[in-house]
């Protein structure tokens, strides 16, 4: 299953944001990291639907190493936590 790299940022003491370097404008957030991670698949789904309405599809995800080599994202990856978000998410019972 493809996995998109997401960068988690503490935006303030009461909020966490999560964004995808490969998907400009695709963000998730919450009161804490768990909530931001929980809503990340919904953000990906909404983003994919928006692209589909325009006749486009999600770009293939880059690896963490590829993103680290990109000066546009290297600093963010050093300063913040990166996680992998599987897309599409597994259905219950799927292996």
PDB file of N, CA and C in Angstrom:
ATOM      1  N   UNK A   1       0.834  -1.175   0.000  1.00  0.00           N
ATOM      2  CA  UNK A   1       0.000   0.000   0.000  1.00  0.00           C
ATOM      3  C   UNK A   1       0.884   1.245   0.000  1.00  0.00           C
ATOM      4  N   UNK A   2       0.538   2.230  -0.809  1.00  0.00           N
ATOM      5  CA  UNK A   2       1.305   3.475  -0.793  1.00  0.00           C
ATOM      6  C   UNK A   2       1.184   4.189   0.550  1.00  0.00           C
ATOM      7  N   UNK A   3       2.250   4.878   0.919  1.00  0.00           N
ATOM      8  CA  UNK A   3       2.254   5.648   2.152  1.00  0.00           C
ATOM      9  C   UNK A   3       2.758   7.054   1.856  1.00  0.00           C
ATOM     10  N   UNK A   4       2.004   8.040   2.314  1.00  0.00           N
ATOM     11  CA  UNK A   4       2.398   9.428   2.155  1.00  0.00           C
ATOM     12  C   UNK A   4       3.078   9.909   3.423  1.00  0.00           C
ATOM     13  N   UNK A   5       4.160  10.639   3.256  1.00  0.00           N
ATOM     14  CA  UNK A   5       4.838  11.240   4.393  1.00  0.00           C
ATOM     15  C   UNK A   5       4.012  12.440   4.847  1.00  0.00           C
ATOM     16  N   UNK A   6       3.795  12.523   6.144  1.00  0.00           N
ATOM     17  CA  UNK A   6       3.108  13.659   6.743  1.00  0.00           C
ATOM     18  C   UNK A   6       4.035  14.265   7.790  1.00  0.00           C
ATOM     19  N   UNK A   7       4.015  15.572   7.889  1.00  0.00           N
ATOM     20  CA  UNK A   7       4.832  16.293   8.861  1.00  0.00           C
ATOM     21  C   UNK A   7       3.904  16.846   9.941  1.00  0.00           C
ATOM     22  N   UNK A   8       4.232  16.530  11.185  1.00  0.00           N
ATOM     23  CA  UNK A   8       3.418  16.956  12.322  1.00  0.00           C
ATOM     24  C   UNK A   8       4.075  18.174  12.956  1.00  0.00           C
ATOM     25  N   UNK A   9       3.291  19.237  13.119  1.00  0.00           N
ATOM     26  CA  UNK A   9       3.776  20.461  13.761  1.00  0.00           C
ATOM     27  C   UNK A   9       2.863  20.821  14.925  1.00  0.00           C
ATOM     28  N   UNK A  10       3.469  21.175  16.047  1.00  0.00           N
ATOM     29  CA  UNK A  10       2.704  21.734  17.164  1.00  0.00           C
ATOM     30  C   UNK A  10       2.514  23.206  16.843  1.00  0.00           C
ATOM     31  N   UNK A  11       1.308  23.598  16.447  1.00  0.00           N
ATOM     32  CA  UNK A  11       1.071  24.988  16.044  1.00  0.00           C
ATOM     33  C   UNK A  11       0.917  25.915  17.235  1.00  0.00           C
ATOM     34  N   UNK A  12       0.424  25.416  18.316  1.00  0.00           N
ATOM     35  CA  UNK A  12       0.356  26.160  19.572  1.00  0.00           C
ATOM     36  C   UNK A  12       0.125  25.137  20.674  1.00  0.00           C
ATOM     37  N   UNK A  13       0.103  25.549  21.927  1.00  0.00           N
ATOM     38  CA  UNK A  13      -0.027  24.562  23.006  1.00  0.00           C
ATOM     39  C   UNK A  13      -1.306  23.722  22.943  1.00  0.00           C
ATOM     40  N   UNK A  14      -2.327  24.216  22.256  1.00  0.00           N
ATOM     41  CA  UNK A  14      -3.603  23.509  22.233  1.00  0.00           C
ATOM     42  C   UNK A  14      -3.969  22.941  20.871  1.00  0.00           C
ATOM     43  N   UNK A  15      -3.011  22.882  19.927  1.00  0.00           N
ATOM     44  CA  UNK A  15      -3.343  22.384  18.591  1.00  0.00           C
ATOM     45  C   UNK A  15      -2.121  21.772  17.920  1.00  0.00           C
ATOM     46  N   UNK A  16      -2.409  20.807  17.076  1.00  0.00           N
ATOM     47  CA  UNK A  16      -1.379  20.131  16.284  1.00  0.00           C
ATOM     48  C   UNK A  16      -1.861  20.131  14.842  1.00  0.00           C
ATOM     49  N   UNK A  17      -0.947  20.438  13.927  1.00  0.00           N
ATOM     50  CA  UNK A  17      -1.312  20.343  12.511  1.00  0.00           C
ATOM     51  C   UNK A  17      -0.428  19.300  11.845  1.00  0.00           C
ATOM     52  N   UNK A  18      -0.948  18.766  10.769  1.00  0.00           N
ATOM     53  CA  UNK A  18      -0.263  17.723  10.021  1.00  0.00           C
ATOM     54  C   UNK A  18      -0.453  18.067   8.546  1.00  0.00           C
ATOM     55  N   UNK A  19       0.624  18.032   7.768  1.00  0.00           N
ATOM     56  CA  UNK A  19       0.527  18.346   6.349  1.00  0.00           C
ATOM     57  C   UNK A  19       1.384  17.383   5.536  1.00  0.00           C
ATOM     58  N   UNK A  20       1.043  17.293   4.268  1.00  0.00           N
ATOM     59  CA  UNK A  20       1.660  16.333   3.361  1.00  0.00           C
ATOM     60  C   UNK A  20       2.497  17.064   2.307  1.00  0.00           C
ATOM     61  N   UNK A  21       3.816  16.909   2.330  1.00  0.00           N
ATOM     62  CA  UNK A  21       4.653  17.580   1.333  1.00  0.00           C
ATOM     63  C   UNK A  21       4.264  17.248  -0.115  1.00  0.00           C
ATOM     64  N   UNK A  22       3.804  16.039  -0.372  1.00  0.00           N
ATOM     65  CA  UNK A  22       3.430  15.636  -1.728  1.00  0.00           C
ATOM     66  C   UNK A  22       2.062  16.139  -2.154  1.00  0.00           C
ATOM     67  N   UNK A  23       1.291  16.680  -1.210  1.00  0.00           N
ATOM     68  CA  UNK A  23      -0.090  17.076  -1.493  1.00  0.00           C
ATOM     69  C   UNK A  23      -0.326  18.504  -1.006  1.00  0.00           C
ATOM     70  N   UNK A  24       0.095  19.493  -1.787  1.00  0.00           N
ATOM     71  CA  UNK A  24      -0.031  20.883  -1.353  1.00  0.00           C
ATOM     72  C   UNK A  24      -1.460  21.245  -0.970  1.00  0.00           C
ATOM     73  N   UNK A  25      -1.597  21.791   0.228  1.00  0.00           N
ATOM     74  CA  UNK A  25      -2.911  22.201   0.713  1.00  0.00           C
ATOM     75  C   UNK A  25      -3.674  21.120   1.458  1.00  0.00           C
ATOM     76  N   UNK A  26      -3.157  19.907   1.489  1.00  0.00           N
ATOM     77  CA  UNK A  26      -3.810  18.814   2.219  1.00  0.00           C
ATOM     78  C   UNK A  26      -3.286  18.839   3.648  1.00  0.00           C
ATOM     79  N   UNK A  27      -4.160  19.204   4.574  1.00  0.00           N
ATOM     80  CA  UNK A  27      -3.767  19.313   5.973  1.00  0.00           C
ATOM     81  C   UNK A  27      -4.781  18.622   6.870  1.00  0.00           C
ATOM     82  N   UNK A  28      -4.323  18.298   8.055  1.00  0.00           N
ATOM     83  CA  UNK A  28      -5.176  17.719   9.082  1.00  0.00           C
ATOM     84  C   UNK A  28      -4.793  18.412  10.381  1.00  0.00           C
ATOM     85  N   UNK A  29      -5.628  18.312  11.357  1.00  0.00           N
ATOM     86  CA  UNK A  29      -5.291  18.932  12.623  1.00  0.00           C
ATOM     87  C   UNK A  29      -6.106  18.360  13.755  1.00  0.00           C
ATOM     88  N   UNK A  30      -5.767  18.796  14.931  1.00  0.00           N
ATOM     89  CA  UNK A  30      -6.499  18.346  16.103  1.00  0.00           C
ATOM     90  C   UNK A  30      -5.950  18.980  17.354  1.00  0.00           C
ATOM     91  N   UNK A  31      -6.555  18.624  18.466  1.00  0.00           N
ATOM     92  CA  UNK A  31      -6.121  19.142  19.758  1.00  0.00           C
ATOM     93  C   UNK A  31      -4.803  18.504  20.197  1.00  0.00           C
ATOM     94  N   UNK A  32      -4.529  17.297  19.672  1.00  0.00           N
ATOM     95  CA  UNK A  32      -3.294  16.600  20.000  1.00  0.00           C
ATOM     96  C   UNK A  32      -2.863  15.761  18.807  1.00  0.00           C
ATOM     97  N   UNK A  33      -1.726  15.113  18.929  1.00  0.00           N
ATOM     98  CA  UNK A  33      -1.182  14.322  17.818  1.00  0.00           C
ATOM     99  C   UNK A  33      -2.133  13.193  17.436  1.00  0.00           C
ATOM    100  N   UNK A  34      -2.690  12.503  18.411  1.00  0.00           N
ATOM    101  CA  UNK A  34      -3.587  11.388  18.110  1.00  0.00           C
ATOM    102  C   UNK A  34      -4.777  11.848  17.274  1.00  0.00           C
ATOM    103  N   UNK A  35      -5.343  12.987  17.627  1.00  0.00           N
ATOM    104  CA  UNK A  35      -6.498  13.498  16.893  1.00  0.00           C
ATOM    105  C   UNK A  35      -6.099  13.909  15.469  1.00  0.00           C
ATOM    106  N   UNK A  36      -4.937  14.530  15.315  1.00  0.00           N
ATOM    107  CA  UNK A  36      -4.464  14.920  13.980  1.00  0.00           C
ATOM    108  C   UNK A  36      -4.219  13.684  13.115  1.00  0.00           C
ATOM    109  N   UNK A  37      -3.630  12.643  13.706  1.00  0.00           N
ATOM    110  CA  UNK A  37      -3.380  11.404  12.960  1.00  0.00           C
ATOM    111  C   UNK A  37      -4.682  10.699  12.596  1.00  0.00           C
ATOM    112  N   UNK A  38      -5.634  10.728  13.501  1.00  0.00           N
ATOM    113  CA  UNK A  38      -6.920  10.077  13.258  1.00  0.00           C
ATOM    114  C   UNK A  38      -7.664  10.735  12.101  1.00  0.00           C
ATOM    115  N   UNK A  39      -7.540  12.044  11.972  1.00  0.00           N
ATOM    116  CA  UNK A  39      -8.262  12.735  10.899  1.00  0.00           C
ATOM    117  C   UNK A  39      -7.472  12.807   9.591  1.00  0.00           C
ATOM    118  N   UNK A  40      -6.215  12.375   9.595  1.00  0.00           N
ATOM    119  CA  UNK A  40      -5.388  12.435   8.384  1.00  0.00           C
ATOM    120  C   UNK A  40      -5.983  11.655   7.209  1.00  0.00           C
ATOM    121  N   UNK A  41      -6.481  10.419   7.395  1.00  0.00           N
ATOM    122  CA  UNK A  41      -7.086   9.714   6.261  1.00  0.00           C
ATOM    123  C   UNK A  41      -8.292  10.453   5.678  1.00  0.00           C
ATOM    124  N   UNK A  42      -9.062  11.124   6.532  1.00  0.00           N
ATOM    125  CA  UNK A  42     -10.197  11.916   6.025  1.00  0.00           C
ATOM    126  C   UNK A  42      -9.704  13.072   5.164  1.00  0.00           C
ATOM    127  N   UNK A  43      -8.618  13.708   5.590  1.00  0.00           N
ATOM    128  CA  UNK A  43      -8.053  14.809   4.807  1.00  0.00           C
ATOM    129  C   UNK A  43      -7.569  14.300   3.452  1.00  0.00           C
ATOM    130  N   UNK A  44      -6.920  13.137   3.451  1.00  0.00           N
ATOM    131  CA  UNK A  44      -6.474  12.531   2.189  1.00  0.00           C
ATOM    132  C   UNK A  44      -7.661  12.194   1.288  1.00  0.00           C
ATOM    133  N   UNK A  45      -8.706  11.652   1.870  1.00  0.00           N
ATOM    134  CA  UNK A  45      -9.890  11.292   1.082  1.00  0.00           C
ATOM    135  C   UNK A  45     -10.523  12.536   0.456  1.00  0.00           C
ATOM    136  N   UNK A  46     -10.664  13.592   1.238  1.00  0.00           N
ATOM    137  CA  UNK A  46     -11.239  14.826   0.723  1.00  0.00           C
ATOM    138  C   UNK A  46     -10.367  15.394  -0.394  1.00  0.00           C
ATOM    139  N   UNK A  47      -9.054  15.381  -0.194  1.00  0.00           N
ATOM    140  CA  UNK A  47      -8.118  15.890  -1.189  1.00  0.00           C
ATOM    141  C   UNK A  47      -8.226  15.074  -2.486  1.00  0.00           C
ATOM    142  N   UNK A  48      -8.286  13.746  -2.351  1.00  0.00           N
ATOM    143  CA  UNK A  48      -8.407  12.873  -3.527  1.00  0.00           C
ATOM    144  C   UNK A  48      -9.717  13.140  -4.270  1.00  0.00           C
ATOM    145  N   UNK A  49     -10.798  13.364  -3.534  1.00  0.00           N
ATOM    146  CA  UNK A  49     -12.090  13.663  -4.169  1.00  0.00           C
ATOM    147  C   UNK A  49     -12.037  14.972  -4.937  1.00  0.00           C
ATOM    148  N   UNK A  50     -11.393  15.979  -4.352  1.00  0.00           N
ATOM    149  CA  UNK A  50     -11.250  17.271  -5.028  1.00  0.00           C
ATOM    150  C   UNK A  50     -10.464  17.110  -6.331  1.00  0.00           C
ATOM    151  N   UNK A  51      -9.389  16.343  -6.281  1.00  0.00           N
ATOM    152  CA  UNK A  51      -8.613  16.110  -7.499  1.00  0.00           C
ATOM    153  C   UNK A  51      -9.441  15.366  -8.539  1.00  0.00           C
ATOM    154  N   UNK A  52     -10.177  14.337  -8.103  1.00  0.00           N
ATOM    155  CA  UNK A  52     -10.994  13.541  -9.026  1.00  0.00           C
ATOM    156  C   UNK A  52     -12.040  14.407  -9.716  1.00  0.00           C
ATOM    157  N   UNK A  53     -12.615  15.350  -8.995  1.00  0.00           N
ATOM    158  CA  UNK A  53     -13.606  16.252  -9.592  1.00  0.00           C
ATOM    159  C   UNK A  53     -12.987  17.100 -10.703  1.00  0.00           C
ATOM    160  N   UNK A  54     -11.671  17.331 -10.602  1.00  0.00           N
ATOM    161  CA  UNK A  54     -10.952  18.084 -11.631  1.00  0.00           C
ATOM    162  C   UNK A  54     -10.327  17.163 -12.681  1.00  0.00           C
ATOM    163  N   UNK A  55     -10.647  15.858 -12.608  1.00  0.00           N
ATOM    164  CA  UNK A  55     -10.111  14.899 -13.566  1.00  0.00           C
ATOM    165  C   UNK A  55      -8.670  14.508 -13.306  1.00  0.00           C
ATOM    166  N   UNK A  56      -8.213  14.713 -12.071  1.00  0.00           N
ATOM    167  CA  UNK A  56      -6.835  14.363 -11.713  1.00  0.00           C
ATOM    168  C   UNK A  56      -6.843  13.289 -10.630  1.00  0.00           C
ATOM    169  N   UNK A  57      -5.681  12.746 -10.348  1.00  0.00           N
ATOM    170  CA  UNK A  57      -5.570  11.772  -9.268  1.00  0.00           C
ATOM    171  C   UNK A  57      -4.383  12.124  -8.377  1.00  0.00           C
ATOM    172  N   UNK A  58      -4.340  11.485  -7.217  1.00  0.00           N
ATOM    173  CA  UNK A  58      -3.249  11.744  -6.288  1.00  0.00           C
ATOM    174  C   UNK A  58      -1.913  11.429  -6.957  1.00  0.00           C
ATOM    175  N   UNK A  59      -0.904  12.288  -6.737  1.00  0.00           N
ATOM    176  CA  UNK A  59       0.419  11.966  -7.267  1.00  0.00           C
ATOM    177  C   UNK A  59       1.016  10.811  -6.469  1.00  0.00           C
ATOM    178  N   UNK A  60       1.937  10.097  -7.061  1.00  0.00           N
ATOM    179  CA  UNK A  60       2.565   9.021  -6.296  1.00  0.00           C
ATOM    180  C   UNK A  60       3.362   9.604  -5.125  1.00  0.00           C
ATOM    181  N   UNK A  61       3.354   8.917  -3.998  1.00  0.00           N
ATOM    182  CA  UNK A  61       4.095   9.444  -2.845  1.00  0.00           C
ATOM    183  C   UNK A  61       5.597   9.278  -3.024  1.00  0.00           C
ATOM    184  N   UNK A  62       6.337  10.249  -2.500  1.00  0.00           N
ATOM    185  CA  UNK A  62       7.791  10.133  -2.462  1.00  0.00           C
ATOM    186  C   UNK A  62       8.187   9.485  -1.131  1.00  0.00           C
ATOM    187  N   UNK A  63       9.364   8.907  -1.117  1.00  0.00           N
ATOM    188  CA  UNK A  63       9.867   8.305   0.115  1.00  0.00           C
ATOM    189  C   UNK A  63      10.380   9.403   1.037  1.00  0.00           C
ATOM    190  N   UNK A  64      10.562   9.041   2.280  1.00  0.00           N
ATOM    191  CA  UNK A  64      11.114   9.975   3.249  1.00  0.00           C
ATOM    192  C   UNK A  64      12.504  10.431   2.800  1.00  0.00           C
ATOM    193  N   UNK A  65      13.315   9.517   2.293  1.00  0.00           N
ATOM    194  CA  UNK A  65      14.654   9.882   1.823  1.00  0.00           C
ATOM    195  C   UNK A  65      14.586  10.857   0.648  1.00  0.00           C
ATOM    196  N   UNK A  66      13.645  10.660  -0.260  1.00  0.00           N
ATOM    197  CA  UNK A  66      13.489  11.587  -1.377  1.00  0.00           C
ATOM    198  C   UNK A  66      13.111  12.976  -0.882  1.00  0.00           C
ATOM    199  N   UNK A  67      12.220  13.034   0.092  1.00  0.00           N
ATOM    200  CA  UNK A  67      11.816  14.332   0.632  1.00  0.00           C
ATOM    201  C   UNK A  67      12.946  14.994   1.417  1.00  0.00           C
ATOM    202  N   UNK A  68      13.741  14.207   2.143  1.00  0.00           N
ATOM    203  CA  UNK A  68      14.878  14.762   2.879  1.00  0.00           C
ATOM    204  C   UNK A  68      15.899  15.376   1.930  1.00  0.00           C
ATOM    205  N   UNK A  69      16.007  14.820   0.724  1.00  0.00           N
ATOM    206  CA  UNK A  69      16.955  15.330  -0.266  1.00  0.00           C
ATOM    207  C   UNK A  69      16.444  16.591  -0.959  1.00  0.00           C
ATOM    208  N   UNK A  70      15.184  16.923  -0.764  1.00  0.00           N
ATOM    209  CA  UNK A  70      14.580  18.092  -1.391  1.00  0.00           C
ATOM    210  C   UNK A  70      14.745  19.290  -0.445  1.00  0.00           C
ATOM    211  N   UNK A  71      15.488  20.322  -0.864  1.00  0.00           N
ATOM    212  CA  UNK A  71      15.708  21.470   0.028  1.00  0.00           C
ATOM    213  C   UNK A  71      14.420  22.154   0.493  1.00  0.00           C
ATOM    214  N   UNK A  72      13.362  22.020  -0.279  1.00  0.00           N
ATOM    215  CA  UNK A  72      12.090  22.641   0.091  1.00  0.00           C
ATOM    216  C   UNK A  72      11.521  22.048   1.383  1.00  0.00           C
ATOM    217  N   UNK A  73      11.825  20.778   1.654  1.00  0.00           N
ATOM    218  CA  UNK A  73      11.242  20.088   2.810  1.00  0.00           C
ATOM    219  C   UNK A  73      12.263  19.628   3.848  1.00  0.00           C
ATOM    220  N   UNK A  74      13.537  19.647   3.504  1.00  0.00           N
ATOM    221  CA  UNK A  74      14.569  19.100   4.387  1.00  0.00           C
ATOM    222  C   UNK A  74      14.552  19.747   5.772  1.00  0.00           C
ATOM    223  N   UNK A  75      14.421  21.063   5.832  1.00  0.00           N
ATOM    224  CA  UNK A  75      14.427  21.760   7.121  1.00  0.00           C
ATOM    225  C   UNK A  75      13.213  21.375   7.967  1.00  0.00           C
ATOM    226  N   UNK A  76      12.032  21.303   7.342  1.00  0.00           N
ATOM    227  CA  UNK A  76      10.824  20.898   8.073  1.00  0.00           C
ATOM    228  C   UNK A  76      10.967  19.481   8.620  1.00  0.00           C
ATOM    229  N   UNK A  77      11.591  18.607   7.852  1.00  0.00           N
ATOM    230  CA  UNK A  77      11.762  17.228   8.306  1.00  0.00           C
ATOM    231  C   UNK A  77      12.762  17.125   9.450  1.00  0.00           C
ATOM    232  N   UNK A  78      13.716  18.051   9.507  1.00  0.00           N
ATOM    233  CA  UNK A  78      14.660  18.065  10.630  1.00  0.00           C
ATOM    234  C   UNK A  78      14.008  18.613  11.897  1.00  0.00           C
ATOM    235  N   UNK A  79      13.128  19.592  11.738  1.00  0.00           N
ATOM    236  CA  UNK A  79      12.543  20.286  12.889  1.00  0.00           C
ATOM    237  C   UNK A  79      11.314  19.599  13.475  1.00  0.00           C
ATOM    238  N   UNK A  80      10.620  18.805  12.662  1.00  0.00           N
ATOM    239  CA  UNK A  80       9.340  18.249  13.076  1.00  0.00           C
ATOM    240  C   UNK A  80       9.321  16.726  12.925  1.00  0.00           C
ATOM    241  N   UNK A  81       8.288  16.124  13.449  1.00  0.00           N
ATOM    242  CA  UNK A  81       8.109  14.680  13.361  1.00  0.00           C
ATOM    243  C   UNK A  81       7.460  14.321  12.031  1.00  0.00           C
ATOM    244  N   UNK A  82       7.984  13.299  11.390  1.00  0.00           N
ATOM    245  CA  UNK A  82       7.398  12.794  10.150  1.00  0.00           C
ATOM    246  C   UNK A  82       6.789  11.421  10.422  1.00  0.00           C
ATOM    247  N   UNK A  83       5.629  11.186   9.834  1.00  0.00           N
ATOM    248  CA  UNK A  83       4.951   9.896   9.961  1.00  0.00           C
ATOM    249  C   UNK A  83       4.506   9.466   8.566  1.00  0.00           C
ATOM    250  N   UNK A  84       4.220   8.180   8.421  1.00  0.00           N
ATOM    251  CA  UNK A  84       3.707   7.654   7.167  1.00  0.00           C
ATOM    252  C   UNK A  84       2.221   7.376   7.323  1.00  0.00           C
ATOM    253  N   UNK A  85       1.435   7.870   6.376  1.00  0.00           N
ATOM    254  CA  UNK A  85      -0.002   7.650   6.369  1.00  0.00           C
ATOM    255  C   UNK A  85      -0.331   6.792   5.159  1.00  0.00           C
ATOM    256  N   UNK A  86      -0.889   5.637   5.422  1.00  0.00           N
ATOM    257  CA  UNK A  86      -1.234   4.689   4.358  1.00  0.00           C
ATOM    258  C   UNK A  86      -2.441   5.177   3.567  1.00  0.00           C
ATOM    259  N   UNK A  87      -2.344   5.047   2.245  1.00  0.00           N
ATOM    260  CA  UNK A  87      -3.472   5.432   1.395  1.00  0.00           C
ATOM    261  C   UNK A  87      -3.601   4.450   0.250  1.00  0.00           C
ATOM    262  N   UNK A  88      -4.757   3.938  -0.041  1.00  0.00           N
ATOM    263  CA  UNK A  88      -5.967   4.125   0.753  1.00  0.00           C
ATOM    264  C   UNK A  88      -5.877   3.346   2.062  1.00  0.00           C
ATOM    265  N   UNK A  89      -6.608   3.814   3.079  1.00  0.00           N
ATOM    266  CA  UNK A  89      -6.556   3.109   4.367  1.00  0.00           C
ATOM    267  C   UNK A  89      -7.125   1.708   4.246  1.00  0.00           C
ATOM    268  N   UNK A  90      -6.634   0.830   5.059  1.00  0.00           N
ATOM    269  CA  UNK A  90      -7.135  -0.556   5.069  1.00  0.00           C
ATOM    270  C   UNK A  90      -8.536  -0.586   5.637  1.00  0.00           C
ATOM    271  N   UNK A  91      -9.332  -1.456   5.081  1.00  0.00           N
ATOM    272  CA  UNK A  91     -10.660  -1.698   5.642  1.00  0.00           C
ATOM    273  C   UNK A  91     -10.496  -2.621   6.841  1.00  0.00           C
ATOM    274  N   UNK A  92     -11.439  -2.595   7.770  1.00  0.00           N
ATOM    275  CA  UNK A  92     -11.382  -3.488   8.925  1.00  0.00           C
ATOM    276  C   UNK A  92     -11.270  -4.931   8.455  1.00  0.00           C
ATOM    277  N   UNK A  93     -10.334  -5.658   9.032  1.00  0.00           N
ATOM    278  CA  UNK A  93     -10.169  -7.067   8.688  1.00  0.00           C
ATOM    279  C   UNK A  93      -9.256  -7.292   7.495  1.00  0.00           C
ATOM    280  N   UNK A  94      -8.839  -6.244   6.795  1.00  0.00           N
ATOM    281  CA  UNK A  94      -7.973  -6.376   5.631  1.00  0.00           C
ATOM    282  C   UNK A  94      -6.537  -6.465   6.081  1.00  0.00           C
ATOM    283  N   UNK A  95      -5.746  -7.302   5.438  1.00  0.00           N
ATOM    284  CA  UNK A  95      -4.342  -7.443   5.802  1.00  0.00           C
ATOM    285  C   UNK A  95      -3.452  -6.864   4.758  1.00  0.00           C
TER     286      UNK A  95
END
